[in-house]
């Protein structure tokens, strides 16, 4: 409860919280299978004694866009206002996809991946998406090396803040090409008569 200065008590209500929580949970489930696969792969290889790893998760999230309200321009504005901006925004006439990838400014980042650290990265990614104020339609998680193999090696204890980029987000737009209708080939009379014997 807060006082409005005139002695009256007002209640601070944040109506967006339940919606944000629901969107977080929905996004969590969308990417859960892919994230679990990445965790199993990285941690099993780490336990096998491979040593520090230079691969980090790439997170991608897709949103549906519409010609009127959720236009590409609207989505681009929201993406640019995120605490951690995507490295790439790719779009067609139906959806926009944001890619978040670790790009160290110099050298090659390495780390010893653990399940806990990977889940924290996933949580940071999902929490960062609150600024989009939309339900995600798809989430993909993959792996990529942080830099060139012969670069200077820098040990890293990653958090999602490491995914922050210095320059502008790259934007790629591709016109959605609707597939041409496929005409079913008519069976010849011979073929039909063959099946009717």
N, C-alpha and C. Protein backbone atom coordinates (compact mmCIF):
# COMPACT_ATOMS: atom_id res chain seq x y z
N UNK A 1 0.85 -1.19 0.00
CA UNK A 1 0.00 0.00 0.00
C UNK A 1 0.88 1.24 0.00
N UNK A 2 0.48 2.27 -0.77
CA UNK A 2 1.21 3.52 -0.83
C UNK A 2 0.27 4.66 -0.53
N UNK A 3 0.81 5.74 0.05
CA UNK A 3 0.02 6.94 0.30
C UNK A 3 0.11 7.85 -0.91
N UNK A 4 -1.03 8.44 -1.32
CA UNK A 4 -1.01 9.33 -2.48
C UNK A 4 -0.69 10.77 -2.11
N UNK A 5 -0.30 11.01 -0.87
CA UNK A 5 0.08 12.35 -0.42
C UNK A 5 -1.07 13.07 0.27
N UNK A 6 -2.29 12.65 0.03
CA UNK A 6 -3.45 13.28 0.65
C UNK A 6 -4.00 12.46 1.79
N UNK A 7 -3.26 11.51 2.25
CA UNK A 7 -3.71 10.68 3.36
C UNK A 7 -4.45 9.44 2.92
N UNK A 8 -4.80 9.36 1.62
CA UNK A 8 -5.51 8.19 1.12
C UNK A 8 -4.50 7.10 0.76
N UNK A 9 -4.88 5.86 1.01
CA UNK A 9 -4.01 4.74 0.69
C UNK A 9 -4.40 4.17 -0.67
N UNK A 10 -3.41 3.95 -1.50
CA UNK A 10 -3.67 3.34 -2.81
C UNK A 10 -2.89 2.04 -2.90
N UNK A 11 -3.45 1.10 -3.62
CA UNK A 11 -2.80 -0.19 -3.75
C UNK A 11 -2.01 -0.23 -5.06
N UNK A 12 -0.74 -0.62 -4.97
CA UNK A 12 0.09 -0.74 -6.17
C UNK A 12 -0.20 -2.09 -6.83
N UNK A 13 -0.76 -2.03 -8.03
CA UNK A 13 -1.12 -3.24 -8.74
C UNK A 13 -0.30 -3.32 -10.02
N UNK A 14 0.28 -4.46 -10.28
CA UNK A 14 1.05 -4.65 -11.51
C UNK A 14 0.33 -5.72 -12.33
N UNK A 15 -0.60 -5.30 -13.21
CA UNK A 15 -1.39 -6.30 -13.93
C UNK A 15 -0.59 -7.14 -14.91
N UNK A 16 0.57 -6.63 -15.33
CA UNK A 16 1.36 -7.36 -16.33
C UNK A 16 2.04 -8.60 -15.76
N UNK A 17 2.24 -8.64 -14.46
CA UNK A 17 3.00 -9.75 -13.87
C UNK A 17 2.43 -11.14 -14.18
N UNK A 18 1.13 -11.38 -13.97
CA UNK A 18 0.61 -12.71 -14.31
C UNK A 18 0.79 -13.05 -15.79
N UNK A 19 0.61 -12.05 -16.66
CA UNK A 19 0.79 -12.28 -18.10
C UNK A 19 2.24 -12.60 -18.40
N UNK A 20 3.16 -11.83 -17.80
CA UNK A 20 4.59 -12.08 -18.01
C UNK A 20 4.97 -13.47 -17.53
N UNK A 21 4.43 -13.87 -16.39
CA UNK A 21 4.74 -15.19 -15.84
C UNK A 21 4.23 -16.28 -16.78
N UNK A 22 3.01 -16.09 -17.31
CA UNK A 22 2.43 -17.08 -18.23
C UNK A 22 3.26 -17.18 -19.50
N UNK A 23 3.71 -16.04 -20.01
CA UNK A 23 4.53 -16.05 -21.23
C UNK A 23 5.88 -16.71 -20.98
N UNK A 24 6.45 -16.44 -19.81
CA UNK A 24 7.73 -17.06 -19.44
C UNK A 24 7.57 -18.58 -19.41
N UNK A 25 6.51 -19.05 -18.75
CA UNK A 25 6.29 -20.49 -18.63
C UNK A 25 6.04 -21.13 -19.98
N UNK A 26 5.28 -20.43 -20.84
CA UNK A 26 5.01 -20.96 -22.18
C UNK A 26 6.31 -21.08 -22.98
N UNK A 27 7.14 -20.02 -22.92
CA UNK A 27 8.42 -20.04 -23.64
C UNK A 27 9.34 -21.11 -23.07
N UNK A 28 9.32 -21.27 -21.75
CA UNK A 28 10.14 -22.29 -21.09
C UNK A 28 9.83 -23.68 -21.66
N UNK A 29 8.54 -23.97 -21.78
CA UNK A 29 8.12 -25.27 -22.29
C UNK A 29 8.48 -25.43 -23.77
N UNK A 30 8.33 -24.35 -24.55
CA UNK A 30 8.64 -24.42 -25.98
C UNK A 30 10.08 -24.84 -26.24
N UNK A 31 11.00 -24.34 -25.43
CA UNK A 31 12.41 -24.63 -25.66
C UNK A 31 12.99 -25.71 -24.77
N UNK A 32 12.15 -26.31 -23.93
CA UNK A 32 12.65 -27.25 -22.92
C UNK A 32 13.37 -28.46 -23.53
N UNK A 33 12.77 -29.06 -24.54
CA UNK A 33 13.37 -30.27 -25.13
C UNK A 33 14.73 -29.95 -25.77
N UNK A 34 14.79 -28.85 -26.52
CA UNK A 34 16.05 -28.47 -27.17
C UNK A 34 17.11 -28.12 -26.14
N UNK A 35 16.71 -27.41 -25.07
CA UNK A 35 17.66 -27.03 -24.03
C UNK A 35 18.18 -28.26 -23.30
N UNK A 36 17.31 -29.21 -23.04
CA UNK A 36 17.71 -30.44 -22.36
C UNK A 36 18.74 -31.20 -23.19
N UNK A 37 18.52 -31.25 -24.50
CA UNK A 37 19.48 -31.93 -25.39
C UNK A 37 20.85 -31.26 -25.34
N UNK A 38 20.86 -29.92 -25.38
CA UNK A 38 22.12 -29.17 -25.34
C UNK A 38 22.84 -29.43 -24.02
N UNK A 39 22.10 -29.42 -22.92
CA UNK A 39 22.70 -29.66 -21.60
C UNK A 39 23.30 -31.06 -21.52
N UNK A 40 22.55 -32.05 -21.97
CA UNK A 40 23.06 -33.43 -21.92
C UNK A 40 24.32 -33.58 -22.76
N UNK A 41 24.32 -32.96 -23.93
CA UNK A 41 25.48 -33.07 -24.81
C UNK A 41 26.72 -32.43 -24.20
N UNK A 42 26.57 -31.18 -23.75
CA UNK A 42 27.73 -30.46 -23.21
C UNK A 42 28.25 -31.08 -21.92
N UNK A 43 27.35 -31.41 -21.01
CA UNK A 43 27.81 -31.93 -19.72
C UNK A 43 28.40 -33.32 -19.85
N UNK A 44 27.85 -34.16 -20.75
CA UNK A 44 28.41 -35.51 -20.91
C UNK A 44 29.81 -35.44 -21.51
N UNK A 45 30.03 -34.52 -22.45
CA UNK A 45 31.35 -34.38 -23.05
C UNK A 45 32.34 -33.80 -22.03
N UNK A 46 31.85 -32.92 -21.17
CA UNK A 46 32.70 -32.33 -20.13
C UNK A 46 33.11 -33.41 -19.12
N UNK A 47 32.15 -34.27 -18.75
CA UNK A 47 32.44 -35.35 -17.80
C UNK A 47 33.41 -36.37 -18.40
N UNK A 48 33.43 -36.45 -19.73
CA UNK A 48 34.34 -37.39 -20.39
C UNK A 48 35.77 -36.90 -20.40
N UNK A 49 36.00 -35.71 -19.83
CA UNK A 49 37.35 -35.19 -19.71
C UNK A 49 37.88 -34.49 -20.94
N UNK A 50 36.98 -33.92 -21.75
CA UNK A 50 37.41 -33.21 -22.95
C UNK A 50 38.13 -31.91 -22.59
N UNK A 51 37.80 -31.33 -21.43
CA UNK A 51 38.41 -30.06 -21.02
C UNK A 51 37.49 -28.89 -21.28
N UNK A 52 38.00 -27.65 -21.11
CA UNK A 52 37.17 -26.47 -21.33
C UNK A 52 36.59 -26.46 -22.75
N UNK A 53 35.38 -25.99 -22.85
CA UNK A 53 34.65 -26.00 -24.13
C UNK A 53 34.49 -24.58 -24.65
N UNK A 54 34.58 -24.42 -25.97
CA UNK A 54 34.39 -23.09 -26.56
C UNK A 54 33.01 -22.96 -27.21
N UNK A 55 32.14 -23.94 -26.98
CA UNK A 55 30.79 -23.87 -27.55
C UNK A 55 29.81 -23.33 -26.51
N UNK A 56 28.95 -22.45 -26.98
CA UNK A 56 27.94 -21.83 -26.13
C UNK A 56 26.59 -21.94 -26.82
N UNK A 57 25.50 -21.94 -26.03
CA UNK A 57 24.18 -22.03 -26.65
C UNK A 57 23.85 -20.80 -27.50
N UNK A 58 23.21 -21.06 -28.62
CA UNK A 58 22.57 -20.01 -29.42
C UNK A 58 21.08 -20.13 -29.15
N UNK A 59 20.46 -19.02 -28.78
CA UNK A 59 19.03 -19.03 -28.48
C UNK A 59 18.29 -18.29 -29.59
N UNK A 60 17.24 -18.91 -30.10
CA UNK A 60 16.40 -18.26 -31.12
C UNK A 60 14.95 -18.34 -30.68
N UNK A 61 14.24 -17.23 -30.87
CA UNK A 61 12.82 -17.18 -30.53
C UNK A 61 12.07 -16.57 -31.70
N UNK A 62 10.91 -17.14 -32.01
CA UNK A 62 10.10 -16.65 -33.12
C UNK A 62 8.77 -16.12 -32.60
N UNK A 63 8.29 -15.07 -33.28
CA UNK A 63 7.00 -14.46 -32.98
C UNK A 63 6.23 -14.30 -34.27
N UNK A 64 4.92 -14.45 -34.17
CA UNK A 64 4.08 -14.23 -35.34
C UNK A 64 3.89 -12.73 -35.54
N UNK A 65 3.90 -12.28 -36.80
CA UNK A 65 3.62 -10.87 -37.07
C UNK A 65 2.36 -10.76 -37.91
N UNK A 66 1.70 -9.60 -37.81
CA UNK A 66 0.46 -9.36 -38.56
C UNK A 66 0.61 -8.07 -39.35
N UNK A 67 -0.18 -7.90 -40.42
CA UNK A 67 -0.05 -6.69 -41.25
C UNK A 67 -0.42 -5.40 -40.54
N UNK A 68 -1.22 -5.48 -39.48
CA UNK A 68 -1.71 -4.25 -38.84
C UNK A 68 -1.00 -3.92 -37.53
N UNK A 69 -1.22 -4.72 -36.50
CA UNK A 69 -0.68 -4.37 -35.17
C UNK A 69 0.78 -4.77 -35.00
N UNK A 70 1.06 -6.04 -35.17
CA UNK A 70 2.41 -6.54 -34.89
C UNK A 70 3.25 -6.54 -36.17
N UNK A 71 3.54 -5.35 -36.65
CA UNK A 71 4.31 -5.21 -37.88
C UNK A 71 5.79 -5.46 -37.61
N UNK A 72 6.55 -5.59 -38.69
CA UNK A 72 7.99 -5.78 -38.56
C UNK A 72 8.62 -4.59 -37.84
N UNK A 73 8.14 -3.38 -38.16
CA UNK A 73 8.69 -2.17 -37.52
C UNK A 73 8.46 -2.20 -36.02
N UNK A 74 7.27 -2.62 -35.60
CA UNK A 74 6.96 -2.73 -34.17
C UNK A 74 7.87 -3.74 -33.49
N UNK A 75 8.04 -4.88 -34.13
CA UNK A 75 8.89 -5.92 -33.55
C UNK A 75 10.35 -5.48 -33.47
N UNK A 76 10.79 -4.75 -34.50
CA UNK A 76 12.17 -4.28 -34.50
C UNK A 76 12.39 -3.28 -33.38
N UNK A 77 11.42 -2.40 -33.16
CA UNK A 77 11.52 -1.42 -32.07
C UNK A 77 11.59 -2.12 -30.73
N UNK A 78 10.74 -3.10 -30.52
CA UNK A 78 10.75 -3.83 -29.25
C UNK A 78 12.06 -4.58 -29.05
N UNK A 79 12.57 -5.19 -30.11
CA UNK A 79 13.84 -5.94 -30.00
C UNK A 79 14.99 -5.00 -29.64
N UNK A 80 14.98 -3.79 -30.20
CA UNK A 80 16.04 -2.82 -29.91
C UNK A 80 15.97 -2.28 -28.48
N UNK A 81 14.80 -2.43 -27.84
CA UNK A 81 14.64 -1.94 -26.47
C UNK A 81 14.90 -3.02 -25.41
N UNK A 82 15.20 -4.24 -25.85
CA UNK A 82 15.51 -5.30 -24.88
C UNK A 82 16.81 -4.99 -24.15
N UNK A 83 16.91 -5.45 -22.92
CA UNK A 83 18.15 -5.24 -22.14
C UNK A 83 19.34 -5.86 -22.87
N UNK A 84 19.17 -7.05 -23.39
CA UNK A 84 20.18 -7.71 -24.23
C UNK A 84 19.56 -7.84 -25.62
N UNK A 85 20.10 -7.08 -26.58
CA UNK A 85 19.55 -7.08 -27.93
C UNK A 85 20.02 -8.30 -28.71
N UNK A 86 19.22 -8.77 -29.66
CA UNK A 86 19.64 -9.92 -30.47
C UNK A 86 20.74 -9.54 -31.44
N UNK A 87 21.55 -10.52 -31.79
CA UNK A 87 22.61 -10.29 -32.78
C UNK A 87 22.00 -10.26 -34.18
N UNK A 88 20.87 -10.95 -34.35
CA UNK A 88 20.23 -11.03 -35.66
C UNK A 88 18.72 -11.03 -35.51
N UNK A 89 18.05 -10.26 -36.36
CA UNK A 89 16.60 -10.28 -36.46
C UNK A 89 16.28 -10.67 -37.90
N UNK A 90 15.68 -11.82 -38.09
CA UNK A 90 15.31 -12.25 -39.44
C UNK A 90 13.79 -12.35 -39.50
N UNK A 91 13.23 -11.94 -40.64
CA UNK A 91 11.78 -11.88 -40.73
C UNK A 91 11.32 -12.21 -42.14
N UNK A 92 10.08 -12.68 -42.22
CA UNK A 92 9.38 -12.76 -43.48
C UNK A 92 8.00 -12.17 -43.23
N UNK A 93 7.06 -12.39 -44.13
CA UNK A 93 5.75 -11.75 -43.97
C UNK A 93 4.92 -12.36 -42.86
N UNK A 94 5.36 -13.49 -42.31
CA UNK A 94 4.56 -14.16 -41.28
C UNK A 94 5.16 -14.13 -39.89
N UNK A 95 6.48 -14.16 -39.79
CA UNK A 95 7.08 -14.22 -38.46
C UNK A 95 8.42 -13.51 -38.42
N UNK A 96 8.82 -13.20 -37.20
CA UNK A 96 10.14 -12.61 -36.96
C UNK A 96 10.86 -13.52 -35.97
N UNK A 97 12.15 -13.72 -36.20
CA UNK A 97 12.97 -14.57 -35.33
C UNK A 97 14.15 -13.78 -34.81
N UNK A 98 14.36 -13.81 -33.51
CA UNK A 98 15.48 -13.13 -32.87
C UNK A 98 16.53 -14.18 -32.49
N UNK A 99 17.79 -13.87 -32.80
CA UNK A 99 18.89 -14.78 -32.44
C UNK A 99 19.80 -14.11 -31.43
N UNK A 100 20.08 -14.83 -30.35
CA UNK A 100 21.01 -14.37 -29.32
C UNK A 100 22.20 -15.31 -29.31
N UNK A 101 23.38 -14.75 -29.50
CA UNK A 101 24.59 -15.56 -29.62
C UNK A 101 25.74 -14.88 -28.92
N UNK A 102 26.57 -15.66 -28.25
CA UNK A 102 27.74 -15.11 -27.56
C UNK A 102 28.81 -14.78 -28.59
N UNK A 103 29.16 -13.50 -28.66
CA UNK A 103 30.20 -13.03 -29.58
C UNK A 103 31.22 -12.25 -28.78
N UNK A 104 32.24 -12.91 -28.24
CA UNK A 104 33.23 -12.18 -27.43
C UNK A 104 33.96 -11.15 -28.29
N UNK A 105 34.23 -9.95 -27.74
CA UNK A 105 34.87 -8.89 -28.53
C UNK A 105 36.25 -9.28 -29.04
N UNK A 106 36.99 -10.03 -28.24
CA UNK A 106 38.32 -10.48 -28.67
C UNK A 106 38.55 -11.90 -28.21
N UNK A 107 39.35 -12.63 -28.95
CA UNK A 107 39.76 -13.96 -28.53
C UNK A 107 38.66 -14.99 -28.58
N UNK A 108 38.93 -16.10 -27.95
CA UNK A 108 38.01 -17.22 -27.90
C UNK A 108 37.61 -17.46 -26.45
N UNK A 109 36.33 -17.44 -26.17
CA UNK A 109 35.85 -17.69 -24.82
C UNK A 109 35.72 -19.20 -24.61
N UNK A 110 36.15 -19.67 -23.44
CA UNK A 110 35.99 -21.08 -23.08
C UNK A 110 35.39 -21.15 -21.68
N UNK A 111 34.77 -22.27 -21.38
CA UNK A 111 34.18 -22.47 -20.07
C UNK A 111 34.05 -23.96 -19.80
N UNK A 112 33.72 -24.27 -18.55
CA UNK A 112 33.42 -25.64 -18.18
C UNK A 112 31.92 -25.71 -17.94
N UNK A 113 31.17 -26.20 -18.92
CA UNK A 113 29.71 -26.16 -18.80
C UNK A 113 29.18 -27.11 -17.72
N UNK A 114 28.24 -26.61 -16.95
CA UNK A 114 27.53 -27.42 -15.97
C UNK A 114 26.04 -27.25 -16.23
N UNK A 115 25.26 -28.19 -15.75
CA UNK A 115 23.81 -28.10 -15.93
C UNK A 115 23.27 -26.82 -15.30
N UNK A 116 23.76 -26.48 -14.10
CA UNK A 116 23.29 -25.27 -13.42
C UNK A 116 23.58 -24.01 -14.22
N UNK A 117 24.80 -23.91 -14.76
CA UNK A 117 25.17 -22.73 -15.54
C UNK A 117 24.33 -22.62 -16.81
N UNK A 118 24.06 -23.76 -17.43
CA UNK A 118 23.26 -23.75 -18.65
C UNK A 118 21.81 -23.37 -18.37
N UNK A 119 21.25 -23.86 -17.26
CA UNK A 119 19.89 -23.47 -16.91
C UNK A 119 19.82 -21.98 -16.59
N UNK A 120 20.88 -21.43 -15.98
CA UNK A 120 20.88 -19.98 -15.69
C UNK A 120 20.92 -19.17 -16.98
N UNK A 121 21.67 -19.65 -17.97
CA UNK A 121 21.68 -18.97 -19.27
C UNK A 121 20.28 -18.99 -19.89
N UNK A 122 19.62 -20.13 -19.80
CA UNK A 122 18.27 -20.27 -20.36
C UNK A 122 17.30 -19.34 -19.64
N UNK A 123 17.41 -19.27 -18.32
CA UNK A 123 16.56 -18.38 -17.55
C UNK A 123 16.82 -16.92 -17.93
N UNK A 124 18.09 -16.56 -18.10
CA UNK A 124 18.42 -15.19 -18.50
C UNK A 124 17.84 -14.86 -19.86
N UNK A 125 17.91 -15.80 -20.79
CA UNK A 125 17.35 -15.61 -22.13
C UNK A 125 15.84 -15.40 -22.04
N UNK A 126 15.14 -16.26 -21.30
CA UNK A 126 13.68 -16.15 -21.20
C UNK A 126 13.27 -14.87 -20.48
N UNK A 127 13.99 -14.50 -19.43
CA UNK A 127 13.66 -13.27 -18.69
C UNK A 127 13.86 -12.04 -19.57
N UNK A 128 14.86 -12.09 -20.43
CA UNK A 128 15.14 -10.97 -21.33
C UNK A 128 14.00 -10.73 -22.32
N UNK A 129 13.24 -11.77 -22.63
CA UNK A 129 12.17 -11.67 -23.63
C UNK A 129 10.94 -10.94 -23.13
N UNK A 130 10.90 -10.60 -21.84
CA UNK A 130 9.73 -9.89 -21.32
C UNK A 130 9.46 -8.61 -22.07
N UNK A 131 10.54 -7.96 -22.55
CA UNK A 131 10.37 -6.70 -23.27
C UNK A 131 9.65 -6.83 -24.59
N UNK A 132 9.54 -8.05 -25.13
CA UNK A 132 8.81 -8.22 -26.38
C UNK A 132 7.30 -8.15 -26.17
N UNK A 133 6.85 -8.45 -24.95
CA UNK A 133 5.44 -8.36 -24.58
C UNK A 133 4.53 -9.16 -25.52
N UNK A 134 5.02 -10.35 -25.91
CA UNK A 134 4.26 -11.21 -26.81
C UNK A 134 4.51 -12.67 -26.47
N UNK A 135 3.56 -13.55 -26.77
CA UNK A 135 3.84 -14.98 -26.60
C UNK A 135 4.70 -15.48 -27.76
N UNK A 136 5.71 -16.25 -27.44
CA UNK A 136 6.57 -16.83 -28.48
C UNK A 136 5.84 -17.97 -29.17
N UNK A 137 6.17 -18.17 -30.45
CA UNK A 137 5.57 -19.29 -31.18
C UNK A 137 6.55 -20.46 -31.32
N UNK A 138 7.85 -20.20 -31.20
CA UNK A 138 8.85 -21.27 -31.28
C UNK A 138 10.14 -20.81 -30.61
N UNK A 139 10.85 -21.76 -30.00
CA UNK A 139 12.17 -21.49 -29.41
C UNK A 139 13.10 -22.61 -29.82
N UNK A 140 14.27 -22.23 -30.30
CA UNK A 140 15.29 -23.20 -30.69
C UNK A 140 16.57 -22.92 -29.92
N UNK A 141 17.26 -23.97 -29.55
CA UNK A 141 18.54 -23.85 -28.85
C UNK A 141 19.54 -24.74 -29.59
N UNK A 142 20.67 -24.15 -29.98
CA UNK A 142 21.71 -24.92 -30.66
C UNK A 142 23.06 -24.53 -30.06
N UNK A 143 24.13 -25.05 -30.64
CA UNK A 143 25.48 -24.78 -30.12
C UNK A 143 26.36 -24.20 -31.22
N UNK A 144 27.26 -23.31 -30.82
CA UNK A 144 28.26 -22.79 -31.76
C UNK A 144 29.51 -22.41 -31.00
N UNK A 145 30.66 -22.56 -31.66
CA UNK A 145 31.93 -22.13 -31.07
C UNK A 145 31.95 -20.61 -30.99
N UNK A 146 32.60 -20.08 -29.95
CA UNK A 146 32.57 -18.64 -29.71
C UNK A 146 33.44 -17.85 -30.67
N UNK A 147 34.49 -18.46 -31.23
CA UNK A 147 35.39 -17.70 -32.10
C UNK A 147 36.30 -18.65 -32.87
N UNK A 148 37.37 -18.08 -33.45
CA UNK A 148 38.31 -18.88 -34.23
C UNK A 148 39.13 -19.79 -33.33
N UNK A 149 39.57 -20.91 -33.88
CA UNK A 149 40.31 -21.90 -33.09
C UNK A 149 41.67 -21.40 -32.63
N UNK A 150 42.29 -20.51 -33.41
CA UNK A 150 43.65 -20.07 -33.07
C UNK A 150 43.67 -18.73 -32.33
N UNK A 151 42.52 -18.26 -31.87
CA UNK A 151 42.46 -16.97 -31.19
C UNK A 151 42.95 -17.10 -29.74
N UNK A 152 43.17 -15.95 -29.10
CA UNK A 152 43.58 -15.93 -27.69
C UNK A 152 42.43 -16.48 -26.84
N UNK A 153 42.75 -17.38 -25.93
CA UNK A 153 41.73 -18.05 -25.13
C UNK A 153 41.46 -17.27 -23.85
N UNK A 154 40.18 -17.01 -23.58
CA UNK A 154 39.77 -16.30 -22.38
C UNK A 154 38.77 -17.15 -21.60
N UNK A 155 39.12 -17.62 -20.39
CA UNK A 155 38.14 -18.36 -19.59
C UNK A 155 36.97 -17.45 -19.22
N UNK A 156 35.78 -18.00 -19.26
CA UNK A 156 34.58 -17.20 -19.03
C UNK A 156 33.64 -17.94 -18.10
N UNK A 157 33.06 -17.18 -17.18
CA UNK A 157 31.98 -17.73 -16.36
C UNK A 157 30.71 -17.04 -16.85
N UNK A 158 30.02 -17.66 -17.78
CA UNK A 158 28.99 -16.92 -18.51
C UNK A 158 27.72 -16.66 -17.73
N UNK A 159 27.14 -15.52 -18.03
CA UNK A 159 25.77 -15.21 -17.67
C UNK A 159 25.15 -14.66 -18.95
N UNK A 160 23.85 -14.50 -18.98
CA UNK A 160 23.24 -14.04 -20.22
C UNK A 160 23.68 -12.62 -20.58
N UNK A 161 24.19 -11.87 -19.60
CA UNK A 161 24.71 -10.52 -19.89
C UNK A 161 25.87 -10.57 -20.87
N UNK A 162 26.61 -11.70 -20.90
CA UNK A 162 27.70 -11.85 -21.86
C UNK A 162 27.21 -11.87 -23.30
N UNK A 163 25.92 -12.06 -23.50
CA UNK A 163 25.35 -12.10 -24.84
C UNK A 163 25.06 -10.70 -25.38
N UNK A 164 25.36 -9.68 -24.60
CA UNK A 164 25.14 -8.30 -25.07
C UNK A 164 26.03 -8.03 -26.27
N UNK A 165 25.51 -7.28 -27.23
CA UNK A 165 26.27 -6.97 -28.44
C UNK A 165 26.66 -5.50 -28.45
N UNK A 166 27.76 -5.19 -29.14
CA UNK A 166 28.26 -3.82 -29.19
C UNK A 166 27.59 -3.01 -30.29
N UNK A 167 27.51 -3.56 -31.49
CA UNK A 167 26.96 -2.83 -32.63
C UNK A 167 25.46 -3.02 -32.77
N UNK A 168 24.92 -2.60 -33.91
CA UNK A 168 23.48 -2.75 -34.14
C UNK A 168 23.10 -4.19 -34.46
N UNK A 169 21.84 -4.50 -34.25
CA UNK A 169 21.31 -5.81 -34.62
C UNK A 169 21.23 -5.91 -36.14
N UNK A 170 21.71 -7.02 -36.68
CA UNK A 170 21.58 -7.24 -38.13
C UNK A 170 20.14 -7.61 -38.43
N UNK A 171 19.57 -7.00 -39.48
CA UNK A 171 18.18 -7.27 -39.86
C UNK A 171 18.17 -7.89 -41.25
N UNK A 172 17.50 -9.02 -41.36
CA UNK A 172 17.33 -9.69 -42.66
C UNK A 172 15.85 -9.91 -42.91
N UNK A 173 15.39 -9.44 -44.05
CA UNK A 173 13.98 -9.65 -44.41
C UNK A 173 13.91 -10.46 -45.69
N UNK A 174 13.08 -11.47 -45.68
CA UNK A 174 12.90 -12.31 -46.86
C UNK A 174 11.42 -12.40 -47.15
N UNK A 175 11.07 -12.09 -48.39
CA UNK A 175 9.66 -12.23 -48.76
C UNK A 175 9.26 -13.69 -48.68
N UNK A 176 8.10 -13.89 -48.06
CA UNK A 176 7.63 -15.27 -47.92
C UNK A 176 7.10 -15.74 -49.26
N UNK A 177 7.69 -16.78 -49.77
CA UNK A 177 7.24 -17.33 -51.04
C UNK A 177 6.26 -18.46 -50.78
N UNK A 178 5.04 -18.23 -51.23
CA UNK A 178 4.04 -19.28 -51.05
C UNK A 178 4.31 -20.39 -52.06
N UNK A 179 4.31 -21.62 -51.63
CA UNK A 179 4.59 -22.71 -52.58
C UNK A 179 3.53 -22.77 -53.67
N UNK A 180 3.96 -23.03 -54.88
CA UNK A 180 3.02 -23.15 -55.98
C UNK A 180 2.14 -24.38 -55.76
N UNK A 181 0.85 -24.24 -56.13
CA UNK A 181 -0.02 -25.41 -55.94
C UNK A 181 0.45 -26.58 -56.79
N UNK A 182 0.48 -27.73 -56.20
CA UNK A 182 0.92 -28.92 -56.95
C UNK A 182 -0.30 -29.60 -57.53
N UNK A 183 -0.26 -29.81 -58.81
CA UNK A 183 -1.38 -30.48 -59.48
C UNK A 183 -1.17 -31.98 -59.39
N UNK A 184 -2.19 -32.65 -58.94
CA UNK A 184 -2.06 -34.11 -58.84
C UNK A 184 -2.08 -34.70 -60.24
N UNK A 185 -1.16 -35.58 -60.47
CA UNK A 185 -1.09 -36.24 -61.77
C UNK A 185 -2.21 -37.26 -61.87
N UNK A 186 -2.94 -37.17 -62.96
CA UNK A 186 -4.03 -38.12 -63.14
C UNK A 186 -3.46 -39.46 -63.62
N UNK A 187 -3.97 -40.47 -63.03
CA UNK A 187 -3.53 -41.80 -63.46
C UNK A 187 -4.09 -42.10 -64.84
N UNK A 188 -3.31 -42.73 -65.65
CA UNK A 188 -3.77 -43.10 -66.99
C UNK A 188 -4.81 -44.20 -66.88
N UNK A 189 -5.58 -44.34 -67.95
CA UNK A 189 -6.61 -45.37 -67.96
C UNK A 189 -5.99 -46.75 -67.75
N UNK A 190 -4.80 -46.93 -68.33
CA UNK A 190 -4.12 -48.22 -68.19
C UNK A 190 -3.84 -48.50 -66.70
N UNK A 191 -3.32 -47.46 -66.00
CA UNK A 191 -3.00 -47.65 -64.59
C UNK A 191 -4.26 -47.98 -63.79
N UNK A 192 -5.33 -47.25 -64.05
CA UNK A 192 -6.57 -47.49 -63.32
C UNK A 192 -7.11 -48.89 -63.61
N UNK A 193 -7.08 -49.25 -64.86
CA UNK A 193 -7.60 -50.58 -65.21
C UNK A 193 -6.75 -51.68 -64.58
N UNK A 194 -5.46 -51.37 -64.43
CA UNK A 194 -4.56 -52.35 -63.79
C UNK A 194 -4.99 -52.62 -62.34
N UNK A 195 -5.39 -51.52 -61.63
CA UNK A 195 -5.79 -51.68 -60.23
C UNK A 195 -7.19 -52.26 -60.08
N UNK A 196 -8.02 -52.15 -61.15
CA UNK A 196 -9.40 -52.62 -61.06
C UNK A 196 -9.54 -54.08 -61.45
N UNK A 197 -8.48 -54.74 -61.84
CA UNK A 197 -8.56 -56.15 -62.24
C UNK A 197 -8.92 -57.04 -61.07
